[in-house]
Amino acid sequence: MTKKRKGKNQLITRKSVAAAVALVAAIICVAFINNAIHDSNIKAKVLKSKNESEMLFDESRGLQISALVKAGVLSSSTPDYSSKLDVCYVTHSDQGWVASNWYQDCYIRYVDLFSTLLDRRDVDEKLKKGRISGTPYDALNKKACDVVYEQGSDSSLSYLNWQVDSAQQAQYNCRVPKPTQNSFTTRGPILLDRELVTFSERSFSPEEVDKSKHYIAIESDNFYYHESLGCGMGFLCSSPRERAITGF
C-alpha cells in the first residue's frame, strides 16, 4: 500500500470515528432534552394537582378546627405548634415477593398541637356531645397518650399527656407526631424518611414542645397526586424512577 493511499484510509477512519462520536453525542443530547421535557411536564402536573387540592383541604381543616372550638374541645383555633410538610415518594405494589408496579404519591401532611387544660375523659365527652363528624377510637385500654378520634383514614385527633406516671407503655406512646409520616400515612411498603422527598412550609422541633402541658394533636394527610409508573427495563420489575419528581 502506498503512503498516499494509507494516509487517505487513515483520514477516512478519523472522519468515521468523528462522525460516530458526533452521532452518539447527538443521541445523548436528544435523550437529555427529552428527559428534561418529561420531568418538566411531570412537575407541572404535580404542582397543578397540589394547587387544586390544597385550597379545598385547607378550608376543610379550618371547618374541622372551628367545630372543635365550638364543641369546647379546643380553646383556640391557633395551635401552639404547627407543621406543614409537602411530601412525595416512589414505591411499589407487590405480587407475592416481587414488585408488580411502581407508582408515585404526593401528599401534604399537617401536624398541629393545641395545649389544653382538659383531661382525656373531658375530651371524649365533649367530642360526643359536640357531634363532631368522625369515629371515636374505642380502645380496650385507653392510655393517657393515644388517638381519641379519627376522621376518615387521613385525619386523627390524639391526646398527649407526658405527666402520666402509670405504665411504661403509656409513656412510650406519648410522643410528638412525626411531621413526615405516621405508621399508616404512606400507602404500600414501609418507607424510611430518607426515601421521602420533602419541602417544609412551616415546622417545629419536637424538642421545643413544652411537655409540662397537655396537648390535643391533630394529624391530617392530604394526598393530592398519584401516578402509576409501571416497571423499568429488565427481567424483574425494577423502578423506572429512582426519586420522586416534584413541583417544589
C-alpha atoms as a PDB file:
ATOM      1  CA  MET A   1       0.000   0.000   0.000  1.00  0.00           C
ATOM      2  CA  THR A   2       1.385   3.363  -0.967  1.00  0.00           C
ATOM      3  CA  LYS A   3       1.853   6.082   1.607  1.00  0.00           C
ATOM      4  CA  LYS A   4      -0.722   8.188  -0.216  1.00  0.00           C
ATOM      5  CA  ARG A   5      -3.418   5.510  -0.043  1.00  0.00           C
ATOM      6  CA  LYS A   6      -2.541   4.702   3.576  1.00  0.00           C
ATOM      7  CA  GLY A   7      -2.897   8.337   4.544  1.00  0.00           C
ATOM      8  CA  LYS A   8      -6.237   8.528   2.721  1.00  0.00           C
ATOM      9  CA  ASN A   9      -7.555   5.475   4.607  1.00  0.00           C
ATOM     10  CA  GLN A  10      -6.463   6.943   7.947  1.00  0.00           C
ATOM     11  CA  LEU A  11      -8.263  10.173   7.094  1.00  0.00           C
ATOM     12  CA  ILE A  12     -11.441   8.253   6.259  1.00  0.00           C
ATOM     13  CA  THR A  13     -11.137   6.310   9.538  1.00  0.00           C
ATOM     14  CA  ARG A  14     -10.717   9.517  11.569  1.00  0.00           C
ATOM     15  CA  LYS A  15     -13.739  11.058   9.834  1.00  0.00           C
ATOM     16  CA  SER A  16     -15.781   7.919  10.526  1.00  0.00           C
ATOM     17  CA  VAL A  17     -14.821   7.971  14.204  1.00  0.00           C
ATOM     18  CA  ALA A  18     -15.611  11.679  14.443  1.00  0.00           C
ATOM     19  CA  ALA A  19     -18.986  11.108  12.773  1.00  0.00           C
ATOM     20  CA  ALA A  20     -19.766   8.230  15.178  1.00  0.00           C
ATOM     21  CA  VAL A  21     -18.793  10.339  18.198  1.00  0.00           C
ATOM     22  CA  ALA A  22     -20.943  13.210  16.934  1.00  0.00           C
ATOM     23  CA  LEU A  23     -23.878  10.835  16.419  1.00  0.00           C
ATOM     24  CA  VAL A  24     -23.559   9.409  19.948  1.00  0.00           C
ATOM     25  CA  ALA A  25     -23.311  12.935  21.372  1.00  0.00           C
ATOM     26  CA  ALA A  26     -26.418  13.960  19.422  1.00  0.00           C
ATOM     27  CA  ILE A  27     -28.353  10.917  20.692  1.00  0.00           C
ATOM     28  CA  ILE A  28     -27.315  11.672  24.294  1.00  0.00           C
ATOM     29  CA  CYS A  29     -28.247  15.325  23.844  1.00  0.00           C
ATOM     30  CA  VAL A  30     -31.689  14.442  22.434  1.00  0.00           C
ATOM     31  CA  ALA A  31     -32.291  11.939  25.258  1.00  0.00           C
ATOM     32  CA  PHE A  32     -31.258  14.552  27.830  1.00  0.00           C
ATOM     33  CA  ILE A  33     -33.614  17.125  26.321  1.00  0.00           C
ATOM     34  CA  ASN A  34     -36.478  14.598  26.164  1.00  0.00           C
ATOM     35  CA  ASN A  35     -35.917  13.655  29.821  1.00  0.00           C
ATOM     36  CA  ALA A  36     -35.843  17.314  30.823  1.00  0.00           C
ATOM     37  CA  ILE A  37     -39.111  17.964  28.958  1.00  0.00           C
ATOM     38  CA  HIS A  38     -40.679  14.848  30.504  1.00  0.00           C
ATOM     39  CA  ASP A  39     -39.605  15.866  34.037  1.00  0.00           C
ATOM     40  CA  SER A  40     -40.865  19.411  33.452  1.00  0.00           C
ATOM     41  CA  ASN A  41     -44.263  18.066  32.385  1.00  0.00           C
ATOM     42  CA  ILE A  42     -44.480  15.843  35.485  1.00  0.00           C
ATOM     43  CA  LYS A  43     -43.532  18.778  37.740  1.00  0.00           C
ATOM     44  CA  ALA A  44     -46.297  20.856  36.158  1.00  0.00           C
ATOM     45  CA  LYS A  45     -48.841  18.069  36.755  1.00  0.00           C
ATOM     46  CA  VAL A  46     -47.777  17.646  40.399  1.00  0.00           C
ATOM     47  CA  LEU A  47     -47.981  21.387  41.035  1.00  0.00           C
ATOM     48  CA  LYS A  48     -51.375  21.651  39.319  1.00  0.00           C
ATOM     49  CA  SER A  49     -52.775  18.792  41.412  1.00  0.00           C
ATOM     50  CA  LYS A  50     -51.423  20.366  44.579  1.00  0.00           C
ATOM     51  CA  ASN A  51     -52.893  23.798  43.846  1.00  0.00           C
ATOM     52  CA  GLU A  52     -56.300  22.314  43.035  1.00  0.00           C
ATOM     53  CA  SER A  53     -56.399  20.179  46.202  1.00  0.00           C
ATOM     54  CA  GLU A  54     -54.643  22.332  48.790  1.00  0.00           C
ATOM     55  CA  MET A  55     -57.157  25.180  48.984  1.00  0.00           C
ATOM     56  CA  LEU A  56     -60.128  22.829  49.417  1.00  0.00           C
ATOM     57  CA  PHE A  57     -58.312  20.735  52.032  1.00  0.00           C
ATOM     58  CA  ASP A  58     -57.182  23.814  53.997  1.00  0.00           C
ATOM     59  CA  GLU A  59     -60.777  25.043  54.011  1.00  0.00           C
ATOM     60  CA  SER A  60     -61.995  21.643  55.241  1.00  0.00           C
ATOM     61  CA  ARG A  61     -59.366  21.620  58.025  1.00  0.00           C
ATOM     62  CA  GLY A  62     -60.411  25.122  59.045  1.00  0.00           C
ATOM     63  CA  LEU A  63     -64.025  23.985  59.399  1.00  0.00           C
ATOM     64  CA  GLN A  64     -62.902  20.940  61.380  1.00  0.00           C
ATOM     65  CA  ILE A  65     -60.908  23.068  63.835  1.00  0.00           C
ATOM     66  CA  SER A  66     -63.768  25.594  64.159  1.00  0.00           C
ATOM     67  CA  ALA A  67     -66.154  22.733  65.029  1.00  0.00           C
ATOM     68  CA  LEU A  68     -63.713  21.523  67.718  1.00  0.00           C
ATOM     69  CA  VAL A  69     -63.511  25.035  69.195  1.00  0.00           C
ATOM     70  CA  LYS A  70     -67.313  25.341  69.184  1.00  0.00           C
ATOM     71  CA  ALA A  71     -67.611  21.971  70.939  1.00  0.00           C
ATOM     72  CA  GLY A  72     -65.163  23.128  73.635  1.00  0.00           C
ATOM     73  CA  VAL A  73     -62.562  20.527  72.689  1.00  0.00           C
ATOM     74  CA  LEU A  74     -60.129  23.285  71.701  1.00  0.00           C
ATOM     75  CA  SER A  75     -59.883  26.627  73.495  1.00  0.00           C
ATOM     76  CA  SER A  76     -58.430  28.362  70.418  1.00  0.00           C
ATOM     77  CA  SER A  77     -58.173  27.802  66.673  1.00  0.00           C
ATOM     78  CA  THR A  78     -54.489  28.783  66.807  1.00  0.00           C
ATOM     79  CA  PRO A  79     -52.132  25.873  67.564  1.00  0.00           C
ATOM     80  CA  ASP A  80     -49.186  26.206  69.928  1.00  0.00           C
ATOM     81  CA  TYR A  81     -47.037  24.259  67.456  1.00  0.00           C
ATOM     82  CA  SER A  82     -47.722  23.666  63.786  1.00  0.00           C
ATOM     83  CA  SER A  83     -46.018  21.966  60.839  1.00  0.00           C
ATOM     84  CA  LYS A  84     -46.987  21.631  57.190  1.00  0.00           C
ATOM     85  CA  LEU A  85     -44.830  19.412  55.007  1.00  0.00           C
ATOM     86  CA  ASP A  86     -45.066  18.648  51.293  1.00  0.00           C
ATOM     87  CA  VAL A  87     -44.024  15.041  50.645  1.00  0.00           C
ATOM     88  CA  CYS A  88     -43.576  12.876  47.529  1.00  0.00           C
ATOM     89  CA  TYR A  89     -42.261   9.330  47.245  1.00  0.00           C
ATOM     90  CA  VAL A  90     -41.880   6.419  44.818  1.00  0.00           C
ATOM     91  CA  THR A  91     -42.803   2.919  45.929  1.00  0.00           C
ATOM     92  CA  HIS A  92     -44.339  -0.270  44.581  1.00  0.00           C
ATOM     93  CA  SER A  93     -47.228  -2.684  44.886  1.00  0.00           C
ATOM     94  CA  ASP A  94     -46.366  -6.373  45.240  1.00  0.00           C
ATOM     95  CA  GLN A  95     -47.427  -9.610  43.658  1.00  0.00           C
ATOM     96  CA  GLY A  96     -46.132 -12.244  46.008  1.00  0.00           C
ATOM     97  CA  TRP A  97     -42.469 -11.487  46.711  1.00  0.00           C
ATOM     98  CA  VAL A  98     -41.944  -9.435  43.556  1.00  0.00           C
ATOM     99  CA  ALA A  99     -42.887  -5.852  42.716  1.00  0.00           C
ATOM    100  CA  SER A 100     -45.699  -5.738  40.154  1.00  0.00           C
ATOM    101  CA  ASN A 101     -45.978  -1.975  39.630  1.00  0.00           C
ATOM    102  CA  TRP A 102     -44.283   1.226  40.720  1.00  0.00           C
ATOM    103  CA  TYR A 103     -46.055   4.479  41.454  1.00  0.00           C
ATOM    104  CA  GLN A 104     -45.509   7.977  42.802  1.00  0.00           C
ATOM    105  CA  ASP A 105     -47.676   9.523  45.514  1.00  0.00           C
ATOM    106  CA  CYS A 106     -47.606  13.065  46.907  1.00  0.00           C
ATOM    107  CA  TYR A 107     -49.320  14.433  49.993  1.00  0.00           C
ATOM    108  CA  ILE A 108     -49.313  17.416  52.323  1.00  0.00           C
ATOM    109  CA  ARG A 109     -49.016  16.463  55.996  1.00  0.00           C
ATOM    110  CA  TYR A 110     -50.228  18.749  58.774  1.00  0.00           C
ATOM    111  CA  VAL A 111     -49.389  18.313  62.466  1.00  0.00           C
ATOM    112  CA  ASP A 112     -50.946  20.798  64.921  1.00  0.00           C
ATOM    113  CA  LEU A 113     -50.576  20.745  68.720  1.00  0.00           C
ATOM    114  CA  PHE A 114     -53.104  22.670  70.846  1.00  0.00           C
ATOM    115  CA  SER A 115     -52.423  22.976  74.585  1.00  0.00           C
ATOM    116  CA  THR A 116     -55.404  22.037  76.757  1.00  0.00           C
ATOM    117  CA  LEU A 117     -56.492  22.026  80.402  1.00  0.00           C
ATOM    118  CA  LEU A 118     -58.957  19.210  79.750  1.00  0.00           C
ATOM    119  CA  ASP A 119     -58.241  15.656  80.804  1.00  0.00           C
ATOM    120  CA  ARG A 120     -58.713  12.696  78.482  1.00  0.00           C
ATOM    121  CA  ARG A 121     -62.232  11.927  79.769  1.00  0.00           C
ATOM    122  CA  ASP A 122     -63.397  15.517  79.233  1.00  0.00           C
ATOM    123  CA  VAL A 123     -62.150  15.428  75.642  1.00  0.00           C
ATOM    124  CA  ASP A 124     -64.053  12.189  74.989  1.00  0.00           C
ATOM    125  CA  GLU A 125     -67.269  13.646  76.411  1.00  0.00           C
ATOM    126  CA  LYS A 126     -67.057  16.930  74.516  1.00  0.00           C
ATOM    127  CA  LEU A 127     -66.412  15.103  71.249  1.00  0.00           C
ATOM    128  CA  LYS A 128     -69.552  13.031  71.802  1.00  0.00           C
ATOM    129  CA  LYS A 129     -71.745  15.959  72.858  1.00  0.00           C
ATOM    130  CA  GLY A 130     -70.451  18.164  70.064  1.00  0.00           C
ATOM    131  CA  ARG A 131     -71.441  15.539  67.483  1.00  0.00           C
ATOM    132  CA  ILE A 132     -68.145  16.002  65.675  1.00  0.00           C
ATOM    133  CA  SER A 133     -68.106  14.010  62.455  1.00  0.00           C
ATOM    134  CA  GLY A 134     -65.776  11.073  62.748  1.00  0.00           C
ATOM    135  CA  THR A 135     -65.291   7.870  64.698  1.00  0.00           C
ATOM    136  CA  PRO A 136     -64.327   7.576  68.387  1.00  0.00           C
ATOM    137  CA  TYR A 137     -61.226   5.466  68.862  1.00  0.00           C
ATOM    138  CA  ASP A 138     -62.634   2.895  71.307  1.00  0.00           C
ATOM    139  CA  ALA A 139     -59.511   1.128  72.501  1.00  0.00           C
ATOM    140  CA  LEU A 140     -59.994  -1.511  75.189  1.00  0.00           C
ATOM    141  CA  ASN A 141     -57.336   0.083  77.393  1.00  0.00           C
ATOM    142  CA  LYS A 142     -57.426   3.836  76.910  1.00  0.00           C
ATOM    143  CA  LYS A 143     -54.000   5.316  77.526  1.00  0.00           C
ATOM    144  CA  ALA A 144     -53.076   8.803  78.655  1.00  0.00           C
ATOM    145  CA  CYS A 145     -51.392   9.298  75.293  1.00  0.00           C
ATOM    146  CA  ASP A 146     -53.373   7.848  72.423  1.00  0.00           C
ATOM    147  CA  VAL A 147     -55.679   8.523  69.479  1.00  0.00           C
ATOM    148  CA  VAL A 148     -59.147   9.578  70.670  1.00  0.00           C
ATOM    149  CA  TYR A 149     -60.888  10.327  67.377  1.00  0.00           C
ATOM    150  CA  GLU A 150     -60.482   9.551  63.684  1.00  0.00           C
ATOM    151  CA  GLN A 151     -61.988  11.409  60.745  1.00  0.00           C
ATOM    152  CA  GLY A 152     -61.569   9.065  57.837  1.00  0.00           C
ATOM    153  CA  SER A 153     -58.288   7.303  57.119  1.00  0.00           C
ATOM    154  CA  ASP A 154     -56.275  10.514  56.682  1.00  0.00           C
ATOM    155  CA  SER A 155     -57.064  12.508  59.832  1.00  0.00           C
ATOM    156  CA  SER A 156     -56.828  11.771  63.550  1.00  0.00           C
ATOM    157  CA  LEU A 157     -57.014  13.569  66.899  1.00  0.00           C
ATOM    158  CA  SER A 158     -54.800  12.439  69.780  1.00  0.00           C
ATOM    159  CA  TYR A 159     -54.451  13.353  73.444  1.00  0.00           C
ATOM    160  CA  LEU A 160     -50.899  13.848  74.761  1.00  0.00           C
ATOM    161  CA  ASN A 161     -50.086  13.830  78.479  1.00  0.00           C
ATOM    162  CA  TRP A 162     -46.398  13.493  79.322  1.00  0.00           C
ATOM    163  CA  GLN A 163     -47.109  13.857  83.039  1.00  0.00           C
ATOM    164  CA  VAL A 164     -48.728  10.452  83.368  1.00  0.00           C
ATOM    165  CA  ASP A 165     -46.752   8.233  85.746  1.00  0.00           C
ATOM    166  CA  SER A 166     -48.511   4.918  85.213  1.00  0.00           C
ATOM    167  CA  ALA A 167     -47.433   2.106  82.906  1.00  0.00           C
ATOM    168  CA  GLN A 168     -44.293   2.352  80.795  1.00  0.00           C
ATOM    169  CA  GLN A 169     -46.306   1.667  77.663  1.00  0.00           C
ATOM    170  CA  ALA A 170     -48.351   4.825  78.197  1.00  0.00           C
ATOM    171  CA  GLN A 171     -45.124   6.799  78.496  1.00  0.00           C
ATOM    172  CA  TYR A 172     -43.789   5.172  75.341  1.00  0.00           C
ATOM    173  CA  ASN A 173     -46.862   6.184  73.331  1.00  0.00           C
ATOM    174  CA  CYS A 174     -46.576   9.796  74.424  1.00  0.00           C
ATOM    175  CA  ARG A 175     -44.528  11.392  71.686  1.00  0.00           C
ATOM    176  CA  VAL A 176     -44.871  14.250  69.265  1.00  0.00           C
ATOM    177  CA  PRO A 177     -46.322  13.061  65.930  1.00  0.00           C
ATOM    178  CA  LYS A 178     -43.723  12.994  63.162  1.00  0.00           C
ATOM    179  CA  PRO A 179     -44.029  15.847  60.644  1.00  0.00           C
ATOM    180  CA  THR A 180     -43.173  13.495  57.764  1.00  0.00           C
ATOM    181  CA  GLN A 181     -45.477  10.492  58.325  1.00  0.00           C
ATOM    182  CA  ASN A 182     -47.090   8.247  60.891  1.00  0.00           C
ATOM    183  CA  SER A 183     -47.339   4.462  60.799  1.00  0.00           C
ATOM    184  CA  PHE A 184     -50.203   4.492  58.292  1.00  0.00           C
ATOM    185  CA  THR A 185     -49.547   7.569  56.134  1.00  0.00           C
ATOM    186  CA  THR A 186     -47.676   6.107  53.173  1.00  0.00           C
ATOM    187  CA  ARG A 187     -49.543   3.618  51.018  1.00  0.00           C
ATOM    188  CA  GLY A 188     -47.719   0.379  50.318  1.00  0.00           C
ATOM    189  CA  PRO A 189     -44.462  -0.874  51.891  1.00  0.00           C
ATOM    190  CA  ILE A 190     -42.961   0.981  54.853  1.00  0.00           C
ATOM    191  CA  LEU A 191     -40.713   3.851  53.763  1.00  0.00           C
ATOM    192  CA  LEU A 192     -37.899   5.489  55.705  1.00  0.00           C
ATOM    193  CA  ASP A 193     -37.876   9.261  55.996  1.00  0.00           C
ATOM    194  CA  ARG A 194     -34.752   9.439  53.834  1.00  0.00           C
ATOM    195  CA  GLU A 195     -36.734   7.875  50.966  1.00  0.00           C
ATOM    196  CA  LEU A 196     -39.200  10.778  51.008  1.00  0.00           C
ATOM    197  CA  VAL A 197     -38.706  13.985  49.020  1.00  0.00           C
ATOM    198  CA  THR A 198     -39.924  16.801  51.268  1.00  0.00           C
ATOM    199  CA  PHE A 199     -40.450  20.547  51.357  1.00  0.00           C
ATOM    200  CA  SER A 200     -41.282  22.290  54.638  1.00  0.00           C
ATOM    201  CA  GLU A 201     -43.754  25.187  54.556  1.00  0.00           C
ATOM    202  CA  ARG A 202     -43.670  25.536  58.345  1.00  0.00           C
ATOM    203  CA  SER A 203     -42.210  23.357  61.067  1.00  0.00           C
ATOM    204  CA  PHE A 204     -41.290  22.944  64.714  1.00  0.00           C
ATOM    205  CA  SER A 205     -38.842  20.729  66.541  1.00  0.00           C
ATOM    206  CA  PRO A 206     -40.226  18.021  68.882  1.00  0.00           C
ATOM    207  CA  GLU A 207     -37.560  19.067  71.379  1.00  0.00           C
ATOM    208  CA  GLU A 208     -39.058  22.558  71.709  1.00  0.00           C
ATOM    209  CA  VAL A 209     -42.501  21.305  72.812  1.00  0.00           C
ATOM    210  CA  ASP A 210     -43.270  22.243  76.439  1.00  0.00           C
ATOM    211  CA  LYS A 211     -44.016  18.820  77.925  1.00  0.00           C
ATOM    212  CA  SER A 212     -45.310  20.222  81.204  1.00  0.00           C
ATOM    213  CA  LYS A 213     -48.587  20.878  79.336  1.00  0.00           C
ATOM    214  CA  HIS A 214     -51.207  18.543  77.898  1.00  0.00           C
ATOM    215  CA  TYR A 215     -51.996  18.741  74.188  1.00  0.00           C
ATOM    216  CA  ILE A 216     -54.544  17.778  71.610  1.00  0.00           C
ATOM    217  CA  ALA A 217     -52.698  16.803  68.448  1.00  0.00           C
ATOM    218  CA  ILE A 218     -54.403  16.859  65.063  1.00  0.00           C
ATOM    219  CA  GLU A 219     -52.718  14.986  62.207  1.00  0.00           C
ATOM    220  CA  SER A 220     -54.011  15.325  58.640  1.00  0.00           C
ATOM    221  CA  ASP A 221     -52.675  13.843  55.406  1.00  0.00           C
ATOM    222  CA  ASN A 222     -53.906  15.311  52.128  1.00  0.00           C
ATOM    223  CA  PHE A 223     -52.992  13.004  49.228  1.00  0.00           C
ATOM    224  CA  TYR A 224     -53.141  15.097  46.070  1.00  0.00           C
ATOM    225  CA  TYR A 225     -51.169  13.194  43.399  1.00  0.00           C
ATOM    226  CA  HIS A 226     -50.912   9.594  42.218  1.00  0.00           C
ATOM    227  CA  GLU A 227     -49.073   8.365  39.116  1.00  0.00           C
ATOM    228  CA  SER A 228     -48.705   4.752  38.016  1.00  0.00           C
ATOM    229  CA  LEU A 229     -45.194   4.190  36.618  1.00  0.00           C
ATOM    230  CA  GLY A 230     -45.278   0.538  35.561  1.00  0.00           C
ATOM    231  CA  CYS A 231     -41.958  -1.318  35.532  1.00  0.00           C
ATOM    232  CA  GLY A 232     -38.490  -0.329  34.360  1.00  0.00           C
ATOM    233  CA  MET A 233     -36.317  -2.314  32.000  1.00  0.00           C
ATOM    234  CA  GLY A 234     -35.067  -5.747  32.983  1.00  0.00           C
ATOM    235  CA  PHE A 235     -36.398  -9.194  33.859  1.00  0.00           C
ATOM    236  CA  LEU A 236     -37.650  -8.172  37.307  1.00  0.00           C
ATOM    237  CA  CYS A 237     -39.932  -5.188  37.824  1.00  0.00           C
ATOM    238  CA  SER A 238     -37.323  -2.554  38.692  1.00  0.00           C
ATOM    239  CA  SER A 239     -38.244   1.040  39.436  1.00  0.00           C
ATOM    240  CA  PRO A 240     -38.406   3.289  36.365  1.00  0.00           C
ATOM    241  CA  ARG A 241     -37.900   6.341  38.606  1.00  0.00           C
ATOM    242  CA  GLU A 242     -35.300   6.480  41.367  1.00  0.00           C
ATOM    243  CA  ARG A 243     -36.643   9.576  43.136  1.00  0.00           C
ATOM    244  CA  ALA A 244     -39.973  11.333  43.088  1.00  0.00           C
ATOM    245  CA  ILE A 245     -40.381  14.185  40.608  1.00  0.00           C
ATOM    246  CA  THR A 246     -41.958  17.101  42.441  1.00  0.00           C
ATOM    247  CA  GLY A 247     -43.320  20.540  41.807  1.00  0.00           C
ATOM    248  CA  PHE A 248     -41.390  22.017  44.758  1.00  0.00           C
END
